Amino acid sequence: MTAVDATGARALGSPVRGALRLTLYLLWTLLLIPVQGAAVALRSPLRFRIPRVYHRVCAAILGIGIVVRGRRAADGPVLFVSNHSSYLDITVLGSVIPGSFVAKSEVAGWPFFGALAKLQQTVFVERKARAGVEKQRDHLGARLDAGDSLILFPEGTSSDGNRTLPFKTALFAVAARRIGDRPLTVQPVSITPTRLDGIPMGLAFRPYYAWYGDMDLAPHLWTVFTLGRMTVEVEFHPPVTIEGFSSRKALADHCQRAVAQGVERAVSGKPRPPSVP
């Protein structure tokens, strides 16, 4: 964590609340693991519905209130592309988007969280392996062809939550795929933590949500469990297809600008009106 913790976290957080939330989170997770495991093994349609219910309950346990703006694309498989500042983005986006995440291969080996990612049918990719771009494109394409929507974090790493990093273009190659007789739908999504107990987060409080740089996971996660209610805003921007752009780089640049503008609106406190995805 940052120096912010030394001055503010103790006053804002409650160890009793943290212990209660941690207990509820573990009980809920352990309850759902065998259910989702069975759904995946049996190829049941529930394997896509259970994660959304799981994340919604996790958000409630953690005291995260989610405000949705714009409208989620719902026709056919969609490639959602979003900024990324925290592991909490998984819970927030997983609660409002019925889809699987695209994550770096290292996540598969993480204790506990790697197993949860596999149960949600996460697609693991080697982000640094340029030689394998075509193979990874085909892997993502196969999931899209099967009707699965995917959630991609094109920044390639997490940020401090106050800005949007440049989007890496390699995995946008999958946008050239056609689903049936239509080009793949790509929808930019902005996710921004905005309030803590009703107080605007700003630069001082946003590190309580954002996990980036050399922050240690365990202390940060414990702080999240102890804090009050956080508000996170998710904005769905107009969906596009690669046919409206000259190249995948042009598509990636458009998505990055749309997402960055959404983050800037939320940070400034002047977002669009809320709606239902």
C-alpha atoms as a PDB file:
ATOM      1  CA  MET A   1       0.000   0.000   0.000  1.00  0.00           C
ATOM      2  CA  THR A   2       0.977   3.659  -0.094  1.00  0.00           C
ATOM      3  CA  ALA A   3       1.685   6.240   2.585  1.00  0.00           C
ATOM      4  CA  VAL A   4      -2.018   7.036   2.571  1.00  0.00           C
ATOM      5  CA  ASP A   5      -2.581   4.025   4.825  1.00  0.00           C
ATOM      6  CA  ALA A   6      -0.489   5.378   7.646  1.00  0.00           C
ATOM      7  CA  THR A   7      -2.623   8.506   7.937  1.00  0.00           C
ATOM      8  CA  GLY A   8      -6.103   7.412   6.976  1.00  0.00           C
ATOM      9  CA  ALA A   9      -6.797   3.682   6.812  1.00  0.00           C
ATOM     10  CA  ARG A  10      -7.027   3.113  10.565  1.00  0.00           C
ATOM     11  CA  ALA A  11      -9.577   5.893  10.962  1.00  0.00           C
ATOM     12  CA  LEU A  12     -11.628   4.741   7.984  1.00  0.00           C
ATOM     13  CA  GLY A  13     -11.451   0.982   8.514  1.00  0.00           C
ATOM     14  CA  SER A  14     -13.031  -1.316  11.090  1.00  0.00           C
ATOM     15  CA  PRO A  15     -11.262  -4.610  11.981  1.00  0.00           C
ATOM     16  CA  VAL A  16     -14.590  -6.040  13.207  1.00  0.00           C
ATOM     17  CA  ARG A  17     -16.212  -5.228   9.866  1.00  0.00           C
ATOM     18  CA  GLY A  18     -13.187  -6.692   8.105  1.00  0.00           C
ATOM     19  CA  ALA A  19     -13.388  -9.980   9.997  1.00  0.00           C
ATOM     20  CA  LEU A  20     -17.113 -10.304   9.336  1.00  0.00           C
ATOM     21  CA  ARG A  21     -16.748  -9.575   5.640  1.00  0.00           C
ATOM     22  CA  LEU A  22     -13.806 -11.931   5.268  1.00  0.00           C
ATOM     23  CA  THR A  23     -15.775 -14.727   6.938  1.00  0.00           C
ATOM     24  CA  LEU A  24     -18.824 -14.139   4.721  1.00  0.00           C
ATOM     25  CA  TYR A  25     -16.656 -13.926   1.605  1.00  0.00           C
ATOM     26  CA  LEU A  26     -14.919 -17.219   2.335  1.00  0.00           C
ATOM     27  CA  LEU A  27     -18.151 -19.011   3.211  1.00  0.00           C
ATOM     28  CA  TRP A  28     -19.888 -17.746   0.068  1.00  0.00           C
ATOM     29  CA  THR A  29     -16.908 -18.633  -2.122  1.00  0.00           C
ATOM     30  CA  LEU A  30     -16.481 -22.123  -0.671  1.00  0.00           C
ATOM     31  CA  LEU A  31     -20.212 -22.716  -1.128  1.00  0.00           C
ATOM     32  CA  LEU A  32     -20.147 -21.737  -4.825  1.00  0.00           C
ATOM     33  CA  ILE A  33     -16.893 -23.478  -5.836  1.00  0.00           C
ATOM     34  CA  PRO A  34     -18.356 -27.024  -6.082  1.00  0.00           C
ATOM     35  CA  VAL A  35     -21.541 -25.703  -7.729  1.00  0.00           C
ATOM     36  CA  GLN A  36     -19.612 -23.843 -10.434  1.00  0.00           C
ATOM     37  CA  GLY A  37     -17.193 -26.758 -10.769  1.00  0.00           C
ATOM     38  CA  ALA A  38     -20.080 -29.105 -11.514  1.00  0.00           C
ATOM     39  CA  ALA A  39     -21.639 -26.631 -13.956  1.00  0.00           C
ATOM     40  CA  VAL A  40     -18.354 -26.325 -15.875  1.00  0.00           C
ATOM     41  CA  ALA A  41     -17.778 -30.092 -15.907  1.00  0.00           C
ATOM     42  CA  LEU A  42     -21.295 -30.720 -17.226  1.00  0.00           C
ATOM     43  CA  ARG A  43     -21.100 -27.822 -19.727  1.00  0.00           C
ATOM     44  CA  SER A  44     -24.304 -26.479 -18.208  1.00  0.00           C
ATOM     45  CA  PRO A  45     -25.539 -23.010 -19.266  1.00  0.00           C
ATOM     46  CA  LEU A  46     -25.420 -22.205 -15.545  1.00  0.00           C
ATOM     47  CA  ARG A  47     -21.633 -21.984 -15.799  1.00  0.00           C
ATOM     48  CA  PHE A  48     -22.107 -18.478 -17.222  1.00  0.00           C
ATOM     49  CA  ARG A  49     -24.889 -17.402 -14.851  1.00  0.00           C
ATOM     50  CA  ILE A  50     -23.371 -18.552 -11.572  1.00  0.00           C
ATOM     51  CA  PRO A  51     -20.299 -16.253 -11.772  1.00  0.00           C
ATOM     52  CA  ARG A  52     -22.525 -13.194 -12.223  1.00  0.00           C
ATOM     53  CA  VAL A  53     -24.562 -14.113  -9.128  1.00  0.00           C
ATOM     54  CA  TYR A  54     -21.332 -14.871  -7.268  1.00  0.00           C
ATOM     55  CA  HIS A  55     -19.801 -11.479  -8.086  1.00  0.00           C
ATOM     56  CA  ARG A  56     -23.001  -9.602  -7.220  1.00  0.00           C
ATOM     57  CA  VAL A  57     -23.057 -11.150  -3.760  1.00  0.00           C
ATOM     58  CA  CYS A  58     -19.307 -10.535  -3.348  1.00  0.00           C
ATOM     59  CA  ALA A  59     -19.840  -6.858  -4.209  1.00  0.00           C
ATOM     60  CA  ALA A  60     -22.570  -6.665  -1.562  1.00  0.00           C
ATOM     61  CA  ILE A  61     -20.335  -8.358   1.012  1.00  0.00           C
ATOM     62  CA  LEU A  62     -17.512  -5.926   0.280  1.00  0.00           C
ATOM     63  CA  GLY A  63     -19.833  -2.932   0.463  1.00  0.00           C
ATOM     64  CA  ILE A  64     -19.347  -1.984  -3.190  1.00  0.00           C
ATOM     65  CA  GLY A  65     -22.229  -0.063  -4.745  1.00  0.00           C
ATOM     66  CA  ILE A  66     -22.165  -0.206  -8.546  1.00  0.00           C
ATOM     67  CA  VAL A  67     -23.599   2.619 -10.648  1.00  0.00           C
ATOM     68  CA  VAL A  68     -24.084   1.686 -14.320  1.00  0.00           C
ATOM     69  CA  ARG A  69     -24.184   4.266 -17.106  1.00  0.00           C
ATOM     70  CA  GLY A  70     -24.844   3.603 -20.761  1.00  0.00           C
ATOM     71  CA  ARG A  71     -26.203   0.326 -22.115  1.00  0.00           C
ATOM     72  CA  ARG A  72     -24.425  -2.997 -22.388  1.00  0.00           C
ATOM     73  CA  ALA A  73     -24.395  -4.596 -25.843  1.00  0.00           C
ATOM     74  CA  ALA A  74     -26.418  -7.779 -25.592  1.00  0.00           C
ATOM     75  CA  ASP A  75     -26.651  -9.175 -29.139  1.00  0.00           C
ATOM     76  CA  GLY A  76     -24.325 -12.109 -29.741  1.00  0.00           C
ATOM     77  CA  PRO A  77     -20.812 -12.517 -28.320  1.00  0.00           C
ATOM     78  CA  VAL A  78     -19.130  -9.208 -27.474  1.00  0.00           C
ATOM     79  CA  LEU A  79     -15.525  -8.240 -26.790  1.00  0.00           C
ATOM     80  CA  PHE A  80     -15.663  -5.798 -23.869  1.00  0.00           C
ATOM     81  CA  VAL A  81     -12.496  -3.700 -23.426  1.00  0.00           C
ATOM     82  CA  SER A  82     -11.962  -1.871 -20.144  1.00  0.00           C
ATOM     83  CA  ASN A  83      -9.419   0.049 -18.132  1.00  0.00           C
ATOM     84  CA  HIS A  84      -7.970  -1.792 -15.141  1.00  0.00           C
ATOM     85  CA  SER A  85      -6.829  -0.556 -11.723  1.00  0.00           C
ATOM     86  CA  SER A  86      -7.591  -3.374  -9.269  1.00  0.00           C
ATOM     87  CA  TYR A  87      -8.477  -7.021  -8.712  1.00  0.00           C
ATOM     88  CA  LEU A  88     -11.812  -5.547  -7.564  1.00  0.00           C
ATOM     89  CA  ASP A  89     -12.549  -4.777 -11.232  1.00  0.00           C
ATOM     90  CA  ILE A  90     -13.218  -8.511 -11.632  1.00  0.00           C
ATOM     91  CA  THR A  91     -15.994  -8.414  -9.042  1.00  0.00           C
ATOM     92  CA  VAL A  92     -17.493  -5.184 -10.380  1.00  0.00           C
ATOM     93  CA  LEU A  93     -17.464  -6.107 -14.078  1.00  0.00           C
ATOM     94  CA  GLY A  94     -18.290  -9.741 -13.363  1.00  0.00           C
ATOM     95  CA  SER A  95     -21.492  -8.609 -11.646  1.00  0.00           C
ATOM     96  CA  VAL A  96     -22.770  -6.613 -14.646  1.00  0.00           C
ATOM     97  CA  ILE A  97     -21.328  -8.500 -17.652  1.00  0.00           C
ATOM     98  CA  PRO A  98     -22.118 -12.149 -18.425  1.00  0.00           C
ATOM     99  CA  GLY A  99     -18.739 -13.129 -19.821  1.00  0.00           C
ATOM    100  CA  SER A 100     -15.284 -14.555 -19.186  1.00  0.00           C
ATOM    101  CA  PHE A 101     -12.148 -12.541 -18.520  1.00  0.00           C
ATOM    102  CA  VAL A 102      -8.922 -12.510 -20.501  1.00  0.00           C
ATOM    103  CA  ALA A 103      -5.958 -12.556 -18.102  1.00  0.00           C
ATOM    104  CA  LYS A 104      -2.209 -12.909 -18.204  1.00  0.00           C
ATOM    105  CA  SER A 105      -1.002 -16.492 -17.849  1.00  0.00           C
ATOM    106  CA  GLU A 106       0.626 -15.835 -14.454  1.00  0.00           C
ATOM    107  CA  VAL A 107      -2.836 -15.481 -12.872  1.00  0.00           C
ATOM    108  CA  ALA A 108      -3.505 -19.183 -13.467  1.00  0.00           C
ATOM    109  CA  GLY A 109      -0.773 -20.030 -10.974  1.00  0.00           C
ATOM    110  CA  TRP A 110      -1.917 -17.694  -8.194  1.00  0.00           C
ATOM    111  CA  PRO A 111      -3.015 -19.526  -5.036  1.00  0.00           C
ATOM    112  CA  PHE A 112      -6.792 -19.551  -4.567  1.00  0.00           C
ATOM    113  CA  PHE A 113      -7.517 -16.720  -7.009  1.00  0.00           C
ATOM    114  CA  GLY A 114      -6.038 -18.722  -9.886  1.00  0.00           C
ATOM    115  CA  ALA A 115      -8.493 -21.530  -9.147  1.00  0.00           C
ATOM    116  CA  LEU A 116     -11.393 -19.052  -9.081  1.00  0.00           C
ATOM    117  CA  ALA A 117     -10.265 -17.624 -12.428  1.00  0.00           C
ATOM    118  CA  LYS A 118     -10.231 -21.104 -13.975  1.00  0.00           C
ATOM    119  CA  LEU A 119     -13.722 -21.814 -12.658  1.00  0.00           C
ATOM    120  CA  GLN A 120     -14.948 -18.665 -14.393  1.00  0.00           C
ATOM    121  CA  GLN A 121     -13.416 -20.049 -17.606  1.00  0.00           C
ATOM    122  CA  THR A 122     -10.885 -17.237 -17.864  1.00  0.00           C
ATOM    123  CA  VAL A 123      -8.819 -17.195 -21.049  1.00  0.00           C
ATOM    124  CA  PHE A 124      -5.128 -17.066 -20.132  1.00  0.00           C
ATOM    125  CA  VAL A 125      -2.727 -15.413 -22.578  1.00  0.00           C
ATOM    126  CA  GLU A 126       1.011 -14.788 -22.779  1.00  0.00           C
ATOM    127  CA  ARG A 127       1.041 -11.023 -23.146  1.00  0.00           C
ATOM    128  CA  LYS A 128       4.811 -10.813 -23.742  1.00  0.00           C
ATOM    129  CA  ALA A 129       4.987 -13.610 -26.314  1.00  0.00           C
ATOM    130  CA  ARG A 130       4.721 -11.701 -29.607  1.00  0.00           C
ATOM    131  CA  ALA A 131       5.391 -14.867 -31.591  1.00  0.00           C
ATOM    132  CA  GLY A 132       2.192 -16.407 -30.213  1.00  0.00           C
ATOM    133  CA  VAL A 133      -0.195 -13.591 -31.169  1.00  0.00           C
ATOM    134  CA  GLU A 134      -1.875 -15.613 -33.923  1.00  0.00           C
ATOM    135  CA  LYS A 135      -2.337 -18.610 -31.616  1.00  0.00           C
ATOM    136  CA  GLN A 136      -3.842 -16.418 -28.904  1.00  0.00           C
ATOM    137  CA  ARG A 137      -6.085 -14.694 -31.437  1.00  0.00           C
ATOM    138  CA  ASP A 138      -7.374 -18.079 -32.541  1.00  0.00           C
ATOM    139  CA  HIS A 139      -7.896 -19.145 -28.920  1.00  0.00           C
ATOM    140  CA  LEU A 140      -9.969 -16.052 -28.209  1.00  0.00           C
ATOM    141  CA  GLY A 141     -11.748 -16.446 -31.528  1.00  0.00           C
ATOM    142  CA  ALA A 142     -12.779 -20.004 -30.705  1.00  0.00           C
ATOM    143  CA  ARG A 143     -14.410 -18.826 -27.486  1.00  0.00           C
ATOM    144  CA  LEU A 144     -16.226 -16.043 -29.321  1.00  0.00           C
ATOM    145  CA  ASP A 145     -17.353 -18.468 -32.027  1.00  0.00           C
ATOM    146  CA  ALA A 146     -18.824 -20.621 -29.265  1.00  0.00           C
ATOM    147  CA  GLY A 147     -20.947 -17.636 -28.197  1.00  0.00           C
ATOM    148  CA  ASP A 148     -18.885 -16.536 -25.177  1.00  0.00           C
ATOM    149  CA  SER A 149     -18.461 -12.817 -24.494  1.00  0.00           C
ATOM    150  CA  LEU A 150     -14.970 -11.837 -23.320  1.00  0.00           C
ATOM    151  CA  ILE A 151     -13.707  -9.035 -21.068  1.00  0.00           C
ATOM    152  CA  LEU A 152     -10.262  -7.700 -21.977  1.00  0.00           C
ATOM    153  CA  PHE A 153      -7.992  -5.266 -20.102  1.00  0.00           C
ATOM    154  CA  PRO A 154      -5.865  -3.889 -22.980  1.00  0.00           C
ATOM    155  CA  GLU A 155      -3.620  -1.730 -20.779  1.00  0.00           C
ATOM    156  CA  GLY A 156      -1.743  -4.916 -19.910  1.00  0.00           C
ATOM    157  CA  THR A 157      -1.299  -3.878 -16.266  1.00  0.00           C
ATOM    158  CA  SER A 158      -3.221  -2.063 -13.538  1.00  0.00           C
ATOM    159  CA  SER A 159      -3.067   1.720 -13.107  1.00  0.00           C
ATOM    160  CA  ASP A 160      -3.628   4.067 -10.167  1.00  0.00           C
ATOM    161  CA  GLY A 161      -7.280   4.545 -11.182  1.00  0.00           C
ATOM    162  CA  ASN A 162      -6.897   8.240 -11.959  1.00  0.00           C
ATOM    163  CA  ARG A 163      -5.975   7.797 -15.619  1.00  0.00           C
ATOM    164  CA  THR A 164      -6.128   5.309 -18.466  1.00  0.00           C
ATOM    165  CA  LEU A 165      -2.916   3.852 -19.853  1.00  0.00           C
ATOM    166  CA  PRO A 166      -2.336   3.300 -23.603  1.00  0.00           C
ATOM    167  CA  PHE A 167      -4.024   0.172 -24.960  1.00  0.00           C
ATOM    168  CA  LYS A 168      -1.850  -2.616 -26.330  1.00  0.00           C
ATOM    169  CA  THR A 169      -3.101  -3.590 -29.766  1.00  0.00           C
ATOM    170  CA  ALA A 170      -2.028  -7.237 -30.178  1.00  0.00           C
ATOM    171  CA  LEU A 171      -5.202  -8.883 -28.881  1.00  0.00           C
ATOM    172  CA  PHE A 172      -7.380  -6.490 -30.888  1.00  0.00           C
ATOM    173  CA  ALA A 173      -6.508  -8.761 -33.815  1.00  0.00           C
ATOM    174  CA  VAL A 174      -9.478 -10.906 -32.769  1.00  0.00           C
ATOM    175  CA  ALA A 175     -11.777  -7.992 -33.671  1.00  0.00           C
ATOM    176  CA  ALA A 176     -11.299  -8.890 -37.345  1.00  0.00           C
ATOM    177  CA  ARG A 177     -13.237 -12.096 -36.732  1.00  0.00           C
ATOM    178  CA  ARG A 178     -16.746 -12.407 -38.091  1.00  0.00           C
ATOM    179  CA  ILE A 179     -19.439 -14.030 -35.988  1.00  0.00           C
ATOM    180  CA  GLY A 180     -21.765 -15.601 -38.488  1.00  0.00           C
ATOM    181  CA  ASP A 181     -22.380 -12.922 -41.120  1.00  0.00           C
ATOM    182  CA  ARG A 182     -21.509  -9.987 -38.846  1.00  0.00           C
ATOM    183  CA  PRO A 183     -18.245  -8.441 -37.630  1.00  0.00           C
ATOM    184  CA  LEU A 184     -17.461  -8.923 -33.960  1.00  0.00           C
ATOM    185  CA  THR A 185     -18.991  -6.295 -31.673  1.00  0.00           C
ATOM    186  CA  VAL A 186     -16.438  -4.447 -29.524  1.00  0.00           C
ATOM    187  CA  GLN A 187     -17.658  -2.325 -26.617  1.00  0.00           C
ATOM    188  CA  PRO A 188     -15.427   0.040 -24.595  1.00  0.00           C
ATOM    189  CA  VAL A 189     -16.161   0.130 -20.846  1.00  0.00           C
ATOM    190  CA  SER A 190     -14.919   2.586 -18.206  1.00  0.00           C
ATOM    191  CA  ILE A 191     -14.687   1.545 -14.552  1.00  0.00           C
ATOM    192  CA  THR A 192     -13.917   4.156 -11.905  1.00  0.00           C
ATOM    193  CA  PRO A 193     -14.108   4.114  -8.086  1.00  0.00           C
ATOM    194  CA  THR A 194     -15.625   7.461  -7.123  1.00  0.00           C
ATOM    195  CA  ARG A 195     -16.750   7.556  -3.481  1.00  0.00           C
ATOM    196  CA  LEU A 196     -15.921   6.103  -0.089  1.00  0.00           C
ATOM    197  CA  ASP A 197     -18.732   6.447   2.453  1.00  0.00           C
ATOM    198  CA  GLY A 198     -20.208   9.152   0.227  1.00  0.00           C
ATOM    199  CA  ILE A 199     -16.992  11.172   0.157  1.00  0.00           C
ATOM    200  CA  PRO A 200     -15.335  11.737  -3.252  1.00  0.00           C
ATOM    201  CA  MET A 201     -12.271   9.512  -3.378  1.00  0.00           C
ATOM    202  CA  GLY A 202      -9.834  11.816  -5.136  1.00  0.00           C
ATOM    203  CA  LEU A 203      -6.114  11.154  -5.223  1.00  0.00           C
ATOM    204  CA  ALA A 204      -5.964  10.431  -1.491  1.00  0.00           C
ATOM    205  CA  PHE A 205      -8.554   7.651  -1.219  1.00  0.00           C
ATOM    206  CA  ARG A 206      -8.441   6.015  -4.659  1.00  0.00           C
ATOM    207  CA  PRO A 207      -5.434   3.794  -3.689  1.00  0.00           C
ATOM    208  CA  TYR A 208      -7.800   2.018  -1.272  1.00  0.00           C
ATOM    209  CA  TYR A 209      -9.452   0.586  -4.392  1.00  0.00           C
ATOM    210  CA  ALA A 210      -6.594   0.588  -6.901  1.00  0.00           C
ATOM    211  CA  TRP A 211      -3.931  -2.118  -6.604  1.00  0.00           C
ATOM    212  CA  TYR A 212      -0.896  -1.365  -8.711  1.00  0.00           C
ATOM    213  CA  GLY A 213       2.884  -1.012  -8.750  1.00  0.00           C
ATOM    214  CA  ASP A 214       4.626  -2.801  -5.893  1.00  0.00           C
ATOM    215  CA  MET A 215       1.628  -2.918  -3.510  1.00  0.00           C
ATOM    216  CA  ASP A 216       1.389  -6.119  -1.460  1.00  0.00           C
ATOM    217  CA  LEU A 217      -1.846  -7.991  -2.078  1.00  0.00           C
ATOM    218  CA  ALA A 218      -2.691  -9.272   1.422  1.00  0.00           C
ATOM    219  CA  PRO A 219      -2.528  -5.888   3.268  1.00  0.00           C
ATOM    220  CA  HIS A 220      -4.436  -4.180   0.469  1.00  0.00           C
ATOM    221  CA  LEU A 221      -7.141  -6.846   0.465  1.00  0.00           C
ATOM    222  CA  TRP A 222      -7.521  -6.647   4.239  1.00  0.00           C
ATOM    223  CA  THR A 223      -7.906  -2.854   4.018  1.00  0.00           C
ATOM    224  CA  VAL A 224     -10.680  -3.332   1.440  1.00  0.00           C
ATOM    225  CA  PHE A 225     -12.519  -5.688   3.803  1.00  0.00           C
ATOM    226  CA  THR A 226     -12.345  -3.153   6.658  1.00  0.00           C
ATOM    227  CA  LEU A 227     -13.466  -0.052   4.764  1.00  0.00           C
ATOM    228  CA  GLY A 228     -16.955   1.422   4.535  1.00  0.00           C
ATOM    229  CA  ARG A 229     -19.108   1.546   1.415  1.00  0.00           C
ATOM    230  CA  MET A 230     -17.403   2.232  -1.888  1.00  0.00           C
ATOM    231  CA  THR A 231     -19.135   3.492  -5.017  1.00  0.00           C
ATOM    232  CA  VAL A 232     -17.797   2.311  -8.383  1.00  0.00           C
ATOM    233  CA  GLU A 233     -19.109   3.693 -11.661  1.00  0.00           C
ATOM    234  CA  VAL A 234     -19.223   1.563 -14.818  1.00  0.00           C
ATOM    235  CA  GLU A 235     -19.903   3.301 -18.114  1.00  0.00           C
ATOM    236  CA  PHE A 236     -20.735   1.353 -21.270  1.00  0.00           C
ATOM    237  CA  HIS A 237     -19.778   3.296 -24.383  1.00  0.00           C
ATOM    238  CA  PRO A 238     -21.363   2.868 -27.844  1.00  0.00           C
ATOM    239  CA  PRO A 239     -20.316  -0.478 -29.372  1.00  0.00           C
ATOM    240  CA  VAL A 240     -18.255  -0.500 -32.563  1.00  0.00           C
ATOM    241  CA  THR A 241     -16.794  -2.963 -35.065  1.00  0.00           C
ATOM    242  CA  ILE A 242     -13.471  -3.011 -36.852  1.00  0.00           C
ATOM    243  CA  GLU A 243     -15.252  -2.228 -40.116  1.00  0.00           C
ATOM    244  CA  GLY A 244     -15.490   1.393 -38.990  1.00  0.00           C
ATOM    245  CA  PHE A 245     -11.703   1.741 -38.689  1.00  0.00           C
ATOM    246  CA  SER A 246      -8.666   1.500 -40.923  1.00  0.00           C
ATOM    247  CA  SER A 247      -6.754  -0.915 -38.692  1.00  0.00           C
ATOM    248  CA  ARG A 248      -6.821  -2.672 -35.334  1.00  0.00           C
ATOM    249  CA  LYS A 249      -4.568   0.104 -33.993  1.00  0.00           C
ATOM    250  CA  ALA A 250      -7.157   2.709 -34.994  1.00  0.00           C
ATOM    251  CA  LEU A 251      -9.833   0.614 -33.258  1.00  0.00           C
ATOM    252  CA  ALA A 252      -7.690   0.291 -30.115  1.00  0.00           C
ATOM    253  CA  ASP A 253      -7.006   4.054 -30.103  1.00  0.00           C
ATOM    254  CA  HIS A 254     -10.740   4.802 -30.382  1.00  0.00           C
ATOM    255  CA  CYS A 255     -11.553   2.446 -27.509  1.00  0.00           C
ATOM    256  CA  GLN A 256      -8.786   3.918 -25.354  1.00  0.00           C
ATOM    257  CA  ARG A 257     -10.079   7.461 -25.913  1.00  0.00           C
ATOM    258  CA  ALA A 258     -13.654   6.468 -25.115  1.00  0.00           C
ATOM    259  CA  VAL A 259     -12.604   4.682 -21.928  1.00  0.00           C
ATOM    260  CA  ALA A 260     -10.268   7.499 -20.860  1.00  0.00           C
ATOM    261  CA  GLN A 261     -12.997  10.095 -21.353  1.00  0.00           C
ATOM    262  CA  GLY A 262     -15.378   7.999 -19.257  1.00  0.00           C
ATOM    263  CA  VAL A 263     -12.818   7.758 -16.445  1.00  0.00           C
ATOM    264  CA  GLU A 264     -12.190  11.501 -16.635  1.00  0.00           C
ATOM    265  CA  ARG A 265     -15.924  12.234 -16.382  1.00  0.00           C
ATOM    266  CA  ALA A 266     -16.308   9.980 -13.351  1.00  0.00           C
ATOM    267  CA  VAL A 267     -13.204  11.378 -11.634  1.00  0.00           C
ATOM    268  CA  SER A 268     -14.395  14.949 -12.231  1.00  0.00           C
ATOM    269  CA  GLY A 269     -17.826  14.154 -10.819  1.00  0.00           C
ATOM    270  CA  LYS A 270     -19.654  15.030 -14.039  1.00  0.00           C
ATOM    271  CA  PRO A 271     -20.668  11.643 -15.478  1.00  0.00           C
ATOM    272  CA  ARG A 272     -23.589  10.687 -17.696  1.00  0.00           C
ATOM    273  CA  PRO A 273     -26.930   9.807 -16.049  1.00  0.00           C
ATOM    274  CA  PRO A 274     -27.128   6.209 -14.717  1.00  0.00           C
ATOM    275  CA  SER A 275     -29.009   3.512 -16.609  1.00  0.00           C
ATOM    276  CA  VAL A 276     -29.527  -0.245 -16.608  1.00  0.00           C
ATOM    277  CA  PRO A 277     -27.088  -2.471 -18.601  1.00  0.00           C
END
